[in-house]
Amino acid sequence: MGSRDEHIREIAYQLWEAEGRPEGQQIRHWETARIQAAKEDPYSRPKRSVDPSEARGQDGEPEQPDQT
């Protein structure tokens, strides 16, 4: 199991403990923990796509395609 899954498991366990250790809530706790872990990791969030016609260079001018 990867470190991401381990982190999710830790969060799910904390949720389970905080709710008084209810039976039969594993899936809900895991999904809630998975969502929480995704919010903590900026690389797991979807990126906003940029229309190439809106792309700007550092000087503020539209970027030109590489002509080489």
PDB file of N, CA and C in Angstrom:
ATOM      1  N   MET A   1       0.850  -1.168   0.000  1.00  0.00           N
ATOM      2  CA  MET A   1       0.000   0.000   0.000  1.00  0.00           C
ATOM      3  C   MET A   1       0.897   1.233   0.000  1.00  0.00           C
ATOM      4  N   GLY A   2       0.586   2.186  -0.887  1.00  0.00           N
ATOM      5  CA  GLY A   2       1.395   3.388  -0.999  1.00  0.00           C
ATOM      6  C   GLY A   2       1.159   4.357   0.137  1.00  0.00           C
ATOM      7  N   SER A   3       2.023   5.335   0.230  1.00  0.00           N
ATOM      8  CA  SER A   3       1.915   6.302   1.320  1.00  0.00           C
ATOM      9  C   SER A   3       0.620   7.105   1.220  1.00  0.00           C
ATOM     10  N   ARG A   4       0.124   7.314   0.000  1.00  0.00           N
ATOM     11  CA  ARG A   4      -1.148   8.028  -0.153  1.00  0.00           C
ATOM     12  C   ARG A   4      -2.278   7.221   0.471  1.00  0.00           C
ATOM     13  N   ASP A   5      -2.325   5.924   0.184  1.00  0.00           N
ATOM     14  CA  ASP A   5      -3.348   5.060   0.772  1.00  0.00           C
ATOM     15  C   ASP A   5      -3.207   4.982   2.290  1.00  0.00           C
ATOM     16  N   GLU A   6      -1.984   4.965   2.766  1.00  0.00           N
ATOM     17  CA  GLU A   6      -1.757   4.950   4.215  1.00  0.00           C
ATOM     18  C   GLU A   6      -2.302   6.224   4.853  1.00  0.00           C
ATOM     19  N   HIS A   7      -2.077   7.348   4.182  1.00  0.00           N
ATOM     20  CA  HIS A   7      -2.583   8.619   4.696  1.00  0.00           C
ATOM     21  C   HIS A   7      -4.117   8.613   4.724  1.00  0.00           C
ATOM     22  N   ILE A   8      -4.731   8.110   3.668  1.00  0.00           N
ATOM     23  CA  ILE A   8      -6.185   8.010   3.613  1.00  0.00           C
ATOM     24  C   ILE A   8      -6.683   7.110   4.732  1.00  0.00           C
ATOM     25  N   ARG A   9      -6.012   5.992   4.954  1.00  0.00           N
ATOM     26  CA  ARG A   9      -6.414   5.078   6.017  1.00  0.00           C
ATOM     27  C   ARG A   9      -6.341   5.749   7.383  1.00  0.00           C
ATOM     28  N   GLU A  10      -5.303   6.551   7.612  1.00  0.00           N
ATOM     29  CA  GLU A  10      -5.175   7.264   8.886  1.00  0.00           C
ATOM     30  C   GLU A  10      -6.325   8.254   9.080  1.00  0.00           C
ATOM     31  N   ILE A  11      -6.662   8.979   8.021  1.00  0.00           N
ATOM     32  CA  ILE A  11      -7.767   9.934   8.118  1.00  0.00           C
ATOM     33  C   ILE A  11      -9.077   9.192   8.380  1.00  0.00           C
ATOM     34  N   ALA A  12      -9.308   8.098   7.650  1.00  0.00           N
ATOM     35  CA  ALA A  12     -10.532   7.315   7.828  1.00  0.00           C
ATOM     36  C   ALA A  12     -10.632   6.779   9.254  1.00  0.00           C
ATOM     37  N   TYR A  13      -9.510   6.350   9.803  1.00  0.00           N
ATOM     38  CA  TYR A  13      -9.500   5.850  11.181  1.00  0.00           C
ATOM     39  C   TYR A  13      -9.858   6.965  12.164  1.00  0.00           C
ATOM     40  N   GLN A  14      -9.309   8.146  11.933  1.00  0.00           N
ATOM     41  CA  GLN A  14      -9.616   9.288  12.803  1.00  0.00           C
ATOM     42  C   GLN A  14     -11.101   9.646  12.734  1.00  0.00           C
ATOM     43  N   LEU A  15     -11.666   9.591  11.529  1.00  0.00           N
ATOM     44  CA  LEU A  15     -13.098   9.853  11.379  1.00  0.00           C
ATOM     45  C   LEU A  15     -13.921   8.815  12.143  1.00  0.00           C
ATOM     46  N   TRP A  16     -13.540   7.550  11.998  1.00  0.00           N
ATOM     47  CA  TRP A  16     -14.233   6.458  12.663  1.00  0.00           C
ATOM     48  C   TRP A  16     -14.191   6.632  14.182  1.00  0.00           C
ATOM     49  N   GLU A  17     -13.009   6.963  14.703  1.00  0.00           N
ATOM     50  CA  GLU A  17     -12.850   7.184  16.142  1.00  0.00           C
ATOM     51  C   GLU A  17     -13.692   8.381  16.597  1.00  0.00           C
ATOM     52  N   ALA A  18     -13.648   9.478  15.831  1.00  0.00           N
ATOM     53  CA  ALA A  18     -14.368  10.695  16.213  1.00  0.00           C
ATOM     54  C   ALA A  18     -15.883  10.475  16.256  1.00  0.00           C
ATOM     55  N   GLU A  19     -16.368   9.531  15.452  1.00  0.00           N
ATOM     56  CA  GLU A  19     -17.802   9.243  15.417  1.00  0.00           C
ATOM     57  C   GLU A  19     -18.213   8.155  16.402  1.00  0.00           C
ATOM     58  N   GLY A  20     -17.289   7.734  17.244  1.00  0.00           N
ATOM     59  CA  GLY A  20     -17.622   6.723  18.253  1.00  0.00           C
ATOM     60  C   GLY A  20     -17.513   5.301  17.762  1.00  0.00           C
ATOM     61  N   ARG A  21     -16.701   5.070  16.744  1.00  0.00           N
ATOM     62  CA  ARG A  21     -16.437   3.743  16.188  1.00  0.00           C
ATOM     63  C   ARG A  21     -17.694   3.010  15.707  1.00  0.00           C
ATOM     64  N   PRO A  22     -18.504   3.657  14.861  1.00  0.00           N
ATOM     65  CA  PRO A  22     -19.721   2.993  14.382  1.00  0.00           C
ATOM     66  C   PRO A  22     -19.400   1.841  13.440  1.00  0.00           C
ATOM     67  N   GLU A  23     -20.234   0.827  13.474  1.00  0.00           N
ATOM     68  CA  GLU A  23     -20.087  -0.333  12.584  1.00  0.00           C
ATOM     69  C   GLU A  23     -20.659  -0.007  11.208  1.00  0.00           C
ATOM     70  N   GLY A  24     -20.084  -0.604  10.166  1.00  0.00           N
ATOM     71  CA  GLY A  24     -20.637  -0.525   8.824  1.00  0.00           C
ATOM     72  C   GLY A  24     -20.452   0.801   8.104  1.00  0.00           C
ATOM     73  N   GLN A  25     -19.524   1.630   8.528  1.00  0.00           N
ATOM     74  CA  GLN A  25     -19.328   2.935   7.901  1.00  0.00           C
ATOM     75  C   GLN A  25     -17.989   3.039   7.181  1.00  0.00           C
ATOM     76  N   GLN A  26     -17.359   1.890   6.904  1.00  0.00           N
ATOM     77  CA  GLN A  26     -16.027   1.883   6.304  1.00  0.00           C
ATOM     78  C   GLN A  26     -15.976   2.622   4.973  1.00  0.00           C
ATOM     79  N   ILE A  27     -16.939   2.353   4.105  1.00  0.00           N
ATOM     80  CA  ILE A  27     -16.922   2.967   2.778  1.00  0.00           C
ATOM     81  C   ILE A  27     -17.097   4.476   2.890  1.00  0.00           C
ATOM     82  N   ARG A  28     -18.025   4.926   3.698  1.00  0.00           N
ATOM     83  CA  ARG A  28     -18.250   6.360   3.864  1.00  0.00           C
ATOM     84  C   ARG A  28     -17.013   7.038   4.440  1.00  0.00           C
ATOM     85  N   HIS A  29     -16.407   6.414   5.457  1.00  0.00           N
ATOM     86  CA  HIS A  29     -15.198   6.988   6.050  1.00  0.00           C
ATOM     87  C   HIS A  29     -14.056   7.029   5.036  1.00  0.00           C
ATOM     88  N   TRP A  30     -13.903   5.965   4.262  1.00  0.00           N
ATOM     89  CA  TRP A  30     -12.816   5.919   3.270  1.00  0.00           C
ATOM     90  C   TRP A  30     -13.022   7.013   2.211  1.00  0.00           C
ATOM     91  N   GLU A  31     -14.242   7.148   1.695  1.00  0.00           N
ATOM     92  CA  GLU A  31     -14.509   8.157   0.669  1.00  0.00           C
ATOM     93  C   GLU A  31     -14.320   9.567   1.216  1.00  0.00           C
ATOM     94  N   THR A  32     -14.780   9.807   2.440  1.00  0.00           N
ATOM     95  CA  THR A  32     -14.585  11.121   3.056  1.00  0.00           C
ATOM     96  C   THR A  32     -13.100  11.395   3.239  1.00  0.00           C
ATOM     97  N   ALA A  33     -12.359  10.399   3.688  1.00  0.00           N
ATOM     98  CA  ALA A  33     -10.916  10.543   3.884  1.00  0.00           C
ATOM     99  C   ALA A  33     -10.198  10.755   2.553  1.00  0.00           C
ATOM    100  N   ARG A  34     -10.634  10.066   1.511  1.00  0.00           N
ATOM    101  CA  ARG A  34     -10.026  10.210   0.187  1.00  0.00           C
ATOM    102  C   ARG A  34     -10.213  11.637  -0.332  1.00  0.00           C
ATOM    103  N   ILE A  35     -11.405  12.170  -0.151  1.00  0.00           N
ATOM    104  CA  ILE A  35     -11.689  13.543  -0.580  1.00  0.00           C
ATOM    105  C   ILE A  35     -10.860  14.536   0.226  1.00  0.00           C
ATOM    106  N   GLN A  36     -10.783  14.326   1.527  1.00  0.00           N
ATOM    107  CA  GLN A  36      -9.996  15.215   2.387  1.00  0.00           C
ATOM    108  C   GLN A  36      -8.519  15.177   1.994  1.00  0.00           C
ATOM    109  N   ALA A  37      -7.989  13.980   1.740  1.00  0.00           N
ATOM    110  CA  ALA A  37      -6.584  13.852   1.351  1.00  0.00           C
ATOM    111  C   ALA A  37      -6.325  14.542   0.017  1.00  0.00           C
ATOM    112  N   ALA A  38      -7.273  14.457  -0.913  1.00  0.00           N
ATOM    113  CA  ALA A  38      -7.117  15.116  -2.211  1.00  0.00           C
ATOM    114  C   ALA A  38      -7.076  16.628  -2.048  1.00  0.00           C
ATOM    115  N   LYS A  39      -7.846  17.165  -1.118  1.00  0.00           N
ATOM    116  CA  LYS A  39      -7.836  18.606  -0.861  1.00  0.00           C
ATOM    117  C   LYS A  39      -6.514  19.055  -0.263  1.00  0.00           C
ATOM    118  N   GLU A  40      -5.865  18.167   0.477  1.00  0.00           N
ATOM    119  CA  GLU A  40      -4.577  18.490   1.103  1.00  0.00           C
ATOM    120  C   GLU A  40      -3.439  18.466   0.093  1.00  0.00           C
ATOM    121  N   ASP A  41      -3.597  17.709  -0.993  1.00  0.00           N
ATOM    122  CA  ASP A  41      -2.535  17.526  -1.982  1.00  0.00           C
ATOM    123  C   ASP A  41      -2.826  18.363  -3.215  1.00  0.00           C
ATOM    124  N   PRO A  42      -2.126  19.484  -3.391  1.00  0.00           N
ATOM    125  CA  PRO A  42      -2.439  20.358  -4.528  1.00  0.00           C
ATOM    126  C   PRO A  42      -2.183  19.704  -5.878  1.00  0.00           C
ATOM    127  N   TYR A  43      -1.345  18.663  -5.937  1.00  0.00           N
ATOM    128  CA  TYR A  43      -1.046  18.007  -7.203  1.00  0.00           C
ATOM    129  C   TYR A  43      -2.126  17.030  -7.629  1.00  0.00           C
ATOM    130  N   SER A  44      -3.058  16.705  -6.741  1.00  0.00           N
ATOM    131  CA  SER A  44      -4.098  15.752  -7.102  1.00  0.00           C
ATOM    132  C   SER A  44      -5.352  16.449  -7.618  1.00  0.00           C
ATOM    133  N   ARG A  45      -5.411  17.760  -7.500  1.00  0.00           N
ATOM    134  CA  ARG A  45      -6.574  18.495  -7.969  1.00  0.00           C
ATOM    135  C   ARG A  45      -6.487  18.713  -9.476  1.00  0.00           C
ATOM    136  N   PRO A  46      -7.638  18.717 -10.140  1.00  0.00           N
ATOM    137  CA  PRO A  46      -7.609  18.995 -11.571  1.00  0.00           C
ATOM    138  C   PRO A  46      -7.144  20.429 -11.820  1.00  0.00           C
ATOM    139  N   LYS A  47      -6.347  20.596 -12.835  1.00  0.00           N
ATOM    140  CA  LYS A  47      -5.846  21.913 -13.205  1.00  0.00           C
ATOM    141  C   LYS A  47      -6.836  22.573 -14.160  1.00  0.00           C
ATOM    142  N   ARG A  48      -6.919  23.891 -14.104  1.00  0.00           N
ATOM    143  CA  ARG A  48      -7.749  24.639 -15.045  1.00  0.00           C
ATOM    144  C   ARG A  48      -7.025  24.628 -16.379  1.00  0.00           C
ATOM    145  N   SER A  49      -7.717  24.214 -17.413  1.00  0.00           N
ATOM    146  CA  SER A  49      -7.086  24.219 -18.726  1.00  0.00           C
ATOM    147  C   SER A  49      -7.106  25.640 -19.276  1.00  0.00           C
ATOM    148  N   VAL A  50      -6.079  25.985 -20.018  1.00  0.00           N
ATOM    149  CA  VAL A  50      -5.953  27.317 -20.589  1.00  0.00           C
ATOM    150  C   VAL A  50      -6.105  27.201 -22.093  1.00  0.00           C
ATOM    151  N   ASP A  51      -6.968  28.039 -22.634  1.00  0.00           N
ATOM    152  CA  ASP A  51      -7.124  28.101 -24.078  1.00  0.00           C
ATOM    153  C   ASP A  51      -5.828  28.663 -24.646  1.00  0.00           C
ATOM    154  N   PRO A  52      -5.201  27.973 -25.617  1.00  0.00           N
ATOM    155  CA  PRO A  52      -3.926  28.462 -26.153  1.00  0.00           C
ATOM    156  C   PRO A  52      -4.001  29.895 -26.653  1.00  0.00           C
ATOM    157  N   SER A  53      -5.174  30.337 -27.096  1.00  0.00           N
ATOM    158  CA  SER A  53      -5.292  31.713 -27.578  1.00  0.00           C
ATOM    159  C   SER A  53      -5.220  32.723 -26.434  1.00  0.00           C
ATOM    160  N   GLU A  54      -5.410  32.237 -25.167  1.00  0.00           N
ATOM    161  CA  GLU A  54      -5.347  33.116 -24.005  1.00  0.00           C
ATOM    162  C   GLU A  54      -3.981  33.080 -23.324  1.00  0.00           C
ATOM    163  N   ALA A  55      -3.111  32.188 -23.745  1.00  0.00           N
ATOM    164  CA  ALA A  55      -1.812  32.033 -23.087  1.00  0.00           C
ATOM    165  C   ALA A  55      -0.983  33.304 -23.282  1.00  0.00           C
ATOM    166  N   ARG A  56      -0.330  33.729 -22.207  1.00  0.00           N
ATOM    167  CA  ARG A  56       0.490  34.940 -22.235  1.00  0.00           C
ATOM    168  C   ARG A  56       1.893  34.614 -21.759  1.00  0.00           C
ATOM    169  N   GLY A  57       2.869  35.274 -22.352  1.00  0.00           N
ATOM    170  CA  GLY A  57       4.256  35.124 -21.926  1.00  0.00           C
ATOM    171  C   GLY A  57       4.523  35.984 -20.699  1.00  0.00           C
ATOM    172  N   GLN A  58       5.750  35.982 -20.225  1.00  0.00           N
ATOM    173  CA  GLN A  58       6.111  36.756 -19.044  1.00  0.00           C
ATOM    174  C   GLN A  58       5.974  38.256 -19.287  1.00  0.00           C
ATOM    175  N   ASP A  59       6.083  38.684 -20.539  1.00  0.00           N
ATOM    176  CA  ASP A  59       5.962  40.109 -20.844  1.00  0.00           C
ATOM    177  C   ASP A  59       4.515  40.543 -21.038  1.00  0.00           C
ATOM    178  N   GLY A  60       3.574  39.616 -20.872  1.00  0.00           N
ATOM    179  CA  GLY A  60       2.165  39.932 -21.012  1.00  0.00           C
ATOM    180  C   GLY A  60       1.635  39.799 -22.434  1.00  0.00           C
ATOM    181  N   GLU A  61       2.534  39.590 -23.361  1.00  0.00           N
ATOM    182  CA  GLU A  61       2.146  39.427 -24.771  1.00  0.00           C
ATOM    183  C   GLU A  61       1.764  37.971 -25.015  1.00  0.00           C
ATOM    184  N   PRO A  62       0.858  37.741 -25.974  1.00  0.00           N
ATOM    185  CA  PRO A  62       0.504  36.343 -26.290  1.00  0.00           C
ATOM    186  C   PRO A  62       1.752  35.562 -26.700  1.00  0.00           C
ATOM    187  N   GLU A  63       1.818  34.323 -26.230  1.00  0.00           N
ATOM    188  CA  GLU A  63       2.957  33.468 -26.592  1.00  0.00           C
ATOM    189  C   GLU A  63       2.793  33.025 -28.027  1.00  0.00           C
ATOM    190  N   GLN A  64       3.903  32.999 -28.721  1.00  0.00           N
ATOM    191  CA  GLN A  64       3.905  32.560 -30.114  1.00  0.00           C
ATOM    192  C   GLN A  64       4.370  31.118 -30.178  1.00  0.00           C
ATOM    193  N   PRO A  65       3.790  30.328 -31.079  1.00  0.00           N
ATOM    194  CA  PRO A  65       4.264  28.949 -31.207  1.00  0.00           C
ATOM    195  C   PRO A  65       5.729  28.927 -31.638  1.00  0.00           C
ATOM    196  N   ASP A  66       6.412  27.894 -31.198  1.00  0.00           N
ATOM    197  CA  ASP A  66       7.842  27.734 -31.550  1.00  0.00           C
ATOM    198  C   ASP A  66       7.945  27.487 -33.052  1.00  0.00           C
ATOM    199  N   GLN A  67       8.719  28.297 -33.748  1.00  0.00           N
ATOM    200  CA  GLN A  67       8.813  28.227 -35.211  1.00  0.00           C
ATOM    201  C   GLN A  67      10.070  27.522 -35.675  1.00  0.00           C
ATOM    202  N   THR A  68      10.703  26.742 -34.824  1.00  0.00           N
ATOM    203  CA  THR A  68      11.944  26.079 -35.213  1.00  0.00           C
ATOM    204  C   THR A  68      11.712  24.745 -35.827  1.00  0.00           C
TER     205      THR A  68
END
